[in-house]
C-alpha atoms as a PDB file:
ATOM      1  CA  MET A   1     -71.880-217.354 143.641  1.00  0.00           C
ATOM      2  CA  SER A   2     -69.834-219.879 141.639  1.00  0.00           C
ATOM      3  CA  ASP A   3     -69.684-222.149 144.699  1.00  0.00           C
ATOM      4  CA  LYS A   4     -73.485-222.226 144.781  1.00  0.00           C
ATOM      5  CA  ILE A   5     -73.687-223.010 141.076  1.00  0.00           C
ATOM      6  CA  ASP A   6     -71.104-225.771 141.577  1.00  0.00           C
ATOM      7  CA  GLN A   7     -73.283-227.283 144.300  1.00  0.00           C
ATOM      8  CA  LEU A   8     -76.441-227.186 142.179  1.00  0.00           C
ATOM      9  CA  PHE A   9     -74.605-228.483 139.123  1.00  0.00           C
ATOM     10  CA  GLY A  10     -73.033-231.320 141.105  1.00  0.00           C
ATOM     11  CA  TYR A  11     -76.449-232.370 142.335  1.00  0.00           C
ATOM     12  CA  VAL A  12     -77.966-232.356 138.835  1.00  0.00           C
ATOM     13  CA  GLN A  13     -75.030-234.238 137.318  1.00  0.00           C
ATOM     14  CA  GLU A  14     -75.246-236.882 140.016  1.00  0.00           C
ATOM     15  CA  ARG A  15     -79.003-237.304 140.409  1.00  0.00           C
ATOM     16  CA  CYS A  16     -80.881-236.203 137.246  1.00  0.00           C
ATOM     17  CA  LEU A  17     -80.995-238.448 134.204  1.00  0.00           C
ATOM     18  CA  TRP A  18     -83.272-236.120 132.212  1.00  0.00           C
ATOM     19  CA  GLN A  19     -80.219-234.181 131.029  1.00  0.00           C
ATOM     20  CA  PHE A  20     -78.895-237.222 129.170  1.00  0.00           C
ATOM     21  CA  PHE A  21     -81.608-238.025 126.636  1.00  0.00           C
ATOM     22  CA  SER A  22     -80.326-239.476 123.390  1.00  0.00           C
ATOM     23  CA  ARG A  23     -80.841-236.477 121.061  1.00  0.00           C
ATOM     24  CA  SER A  24     -79.619-232.938 121.552  1.00  0.00           C
ATOM     25  CA  LYS A  25     -83.058-231.421 120.960  1.00  0.00           C
ATOM     26  CA  ASP A  26     -84.537-233.665 123.664  1.00  0.00           C
ATOM     27  CA  ARG A  27     -81.754-232.739 126.063  1.00  0.00           C
ATOM     28  CA  GLN A  28     -82.326-229.050 125.342  1.00  0.00           C
ATOM     29  CA  GLU A  29     -86.085-229.392 125.804  1.00  0.00           C
ATOM     30  CA  ASN A  30     -85.652-231.141 129.152  1.00  0.00           C
ATOM     31  CA  ILE A  31     -83.042-228.752 130.463  1.00  0.00           C
ATOM     32  CA  ASP A  32     -85.078-225.700 129.413  1.00  0.00           C
ATOM     33  CA  GLY A  33     -88.375-227.048 130.737  1.00  0.00           C
ATOM     34  CA  ILE A  34     -87.227-228.440 134.060  1.00  0.00           C
ATOM     35  CA  ILE A  35     -84.980-225.508 134.923  1.00  0.00           C
ATOM     36  CA  ALA A  36     -87.808-223.095 134.054  1.00  0.00           C
ATOM     37  CA  LYS A  37     -90.285-224.918 136.321  1.00  0.00           C
ATOM     38  CA  ALA A  38     -87.688-225.191 139.093  1.00  0.00           C
ATOM     39  CA  THR A  39     -86.972-221.477 138.809  1.00  0.00           C
ATOM     40  CA  ASP A  40     -90.687-220.718 139.070  1.00  0.00           C
ATOM     41  CA  LEU A  41     -90.951-222.915 142.166  1.00  0.00           C
ATOM     42  CA  LEU A  42     -87.887-221.353 143.783  1.00  0.00           C
ATOM     43  CA  THR A  43     -89.007-217.780 143.121  1.00  0.00           C
ATOM     44  CA  GLY A  44     -92.688-218.173 143.984  1.00  0.00           C
ATOM     45  CA  LYS A  45     -93.902-217.518 140.464  1.00  0.00           C
ATOM     46  CA  GLU A  46     -97.267-218.973 139.477  1.00  0.00           C
ATOM     47  CA  LEU A  47     -96.889-222.207 137.555  1.00  0.00           C
ATOM     48  CA  SER A  48     -98.500-223.022 134.244  1.00  0.00           C
ATOM     49  CA  LEU A  49     -99.435-226.698 134.025  1.00  0.00           C
ATOM     50  CA  ASP A  50    -101.559-226.562 130.889  1.00  0.00           C
ATOM     51  CA  THR A  51     -99.860-229.229 128.801  1.00  0.00           C
ATOM     52  CA  PRO A  52     -98.655-232.764 129.523  1.00  0.00           C
ATOM     53  CA  MET A  53     -95.050-231.545 129.019  1.00  0.00           C
ATOM     54  CA  ASP A  54     -95.595-228.783 131.600  1.00  0.00           C
ATOM     55  CA  LYS A  55     -96.746-231.431 134.064  1.00  0.00           C
ATOM     56  CA  LEU A  56     -93.792-233.679 133.248  1.00  0.00           C
ATOM     57  CA  PHE A  57     -91.279-230.859 133.743  1.00  0.00           C
ATOM     58  CA  TYR A  58     -93.040-229.849 136.961  1.00  0.00           C
ATOM     59  CA  ALA A  59     -92.801-233.395 138.363  1.00  0.00           C
ATOM     60  CA  ASP A  60     -89.029-233.485 137.861  1.00  0.00           C
ATOM     61  CA  ALA A  61     -88.561-229.897 139.025  1.00  0.00           C
ATOM     62  CA  LYS A  62     -90.574-230.447 142.200  1.00  0.00           C
ATOM     63  CA  ILE A  63     -88.307-233.282 143.334  1.00  0.00           C
ATOM     64  CA  MET A  64     -85.172-231.363 142.405  1.00  0.00           C
ATOM     65  CA  VAL A  65     -86.285-228.214 144.256  1.00  0.00           C
ATOM     66  CA  ALA A  66     -87.177-230.200 147.388  1.00  0.00           C
ATOM     67  CA  ASP A  67     -83.716-231.763 147.329  1.00  0.00           C
ATOM     68  CA  PHE A  68     -82.075-228.374 146.731  1.00  0.00           C
ATOM     69  CA  LYS A  69     -83.825-226.978 149.805  1.00  0.00           C
ATOM     70  CA  GLN A  70     -82.885-229.989 151.922  1.00  0.00           C
ATOM     71  CA  ARG A  71     -79.237-230.237 150.831  1.00  0.00           C
ATOM     72  CA  PHE A  72     -78.408-226.558 150.442  1.00  0.00           C
ATOM     73  CA  PRO A  73     -79.832-224.423 153.285  1.00  0.00           C
ATOM     74  CA  TRP A  74     -78.761-221.208 151.533  1.00  0.00           C
ATOM     75  CA  VAL A  75     -81.468-221.803 148.888  1.00  0.00           C
ATOM     76  CA  GLU A  76     -84.218-220.725 151.306  1.00  0.00           C
ATOM     77  CA  ASN A  77     -82.424-217.428 151.988  1.00  0.00           C
ATOM     78  CA  THR A  78     -81.718-216.538 148.365  1.00  0.00           C
ATOM     79  CA  GLY A  79     -83.809-213.738 146.884  1.00  0.00           C
ATOM     80  CA  PRO A  80     -85.818-214.250 143.690  1.00  0.00           C
ATOM     81  CA  ALA A  81     -83.525-212.183 141.463  1.00  0.00           C
ATOM     82  CA  GLN A  82     -80.393-213.961 142.639  1.00  0.00           C
ATOM     83  CA  MET A  83     -82.122-217.364 142.373  1.00  0.00           C
ATOM     84  CA  ARG A  84     -83.144-216.614 138.780  1.00  0.00           C
ATOM     85  CA  GLU A  85     -79.531-215.741 137.992  1.00  0.00           C
ATOM     86  CA  LEU A  86     -78.232-218.913 139.661  1.00  0.00           C
ATOM     87  CA  MET A  87     -80.692-221.064 137.756  1.00  0.00           C
ATOM     88  CA  HIS A  88     -79.829-219.318 134.488  1.00  0.00           C
ATOM     89  CA  GLN A  89     -76.154-220.031 135.050  1.00  0.00           C
ATOM     90  CA  LEU A  90     -76.952-223.618 136.028  1.00  0.00           C
ATOM     91  CA  LYS A  91     -78.893-224.050 132.789  1.00  0.00           C
ATOM     92  CA  ASP A  92     -76.043-222.573 130.749  1.00  0.00           C
ATOM     93  CA  ARG A  93     -73.563-224.961 132.343  1.00  0.00           C
ATOM     94  CA  LEU A  94     -75.823-227.966 131.775  1.00  0.00           C
ATOM     95  CA  VAL A  95     -76.303-227.063 128.104  1.00  0.00           C
ATOM     96  CA  ASP A  96     -72.565-226.625 127.663  1.00  0.00           C
ATOM     97  CA  ILE A  97     -71.690-229.969 129.248  1.00  0.00           C
ATOM     98  CA  ALA A  98     -74.598-232.109 128.006  1.00  0.00           C
ATOM     99  CA  ILE A  99     -74.979-230.647 124.503  1.00  0.00           C
ATOM    100  CA  THR A 100     -72.437-228.100 123.263  1.00  0.00           C
ATOM    101  CA  SER A 101     -69.253-229.783 124.510  1.00  0.00           C
ATOM    102  CA  SER A 102     -70.545-233.341 124.295  1.00  0.00           C
ATOM    103  CA  LYS A 103     -68.410-235.726 122.276  1.00  0.00           C
ATOM    104  CA  ASN A 104     -71.408-237.984 121.622  1.00  0.00           C
ATOM    105  CA  ASP A 105     -71.815-237.869 117.824  1.00  0.00           C
ATOM    106  CA  GLU A 106     -75.193-239.596 118.051  1.00  0.00           C
ATOM    107  CA  LEU A 107     -76.755-236.484 119.573  1.00  0.00           C
ATOM    108  CA  ASN A 108     -77.083-234.891 116.138  1.00  0.00           C
ATOM    109  CA  HIS A 109     -77.176-237.964 113.903  1.00  0.00           C
ATOM    110  CA  SER A 110     -79.813-237.535 111.185  1.00  0.00           C
ATOM    111  CA  LEU A 111     -81.134-241.098 111.462  1.00  0.00           C
ATOM    112  CA  TYR A 112     -81.434-241.151 115.211  1.00  0.00           C
END
């Protein structure tokens, strides 16, 4: 399973700029929102697109999920429960790298 997470994480690190917004709360919001929409898409759950932010997260998630399916054939054969777990672990790793372990002091600067 860690190999699959490594593949997904490598893709996100290489291709997705939404994880690198300038404030930690914006990074957290993007990571949470986009991973949640991507998880819904990957597991067949009905999507809620009620707010402009829902639509924004969906737009980024839709592209990411299409690329996941194209680059990683195993995604199509992964059950919903396992996919939810993979996406949860992906989100945890993104938060750790982009927020928790970040050495960027501006992420939490009070005037920024």
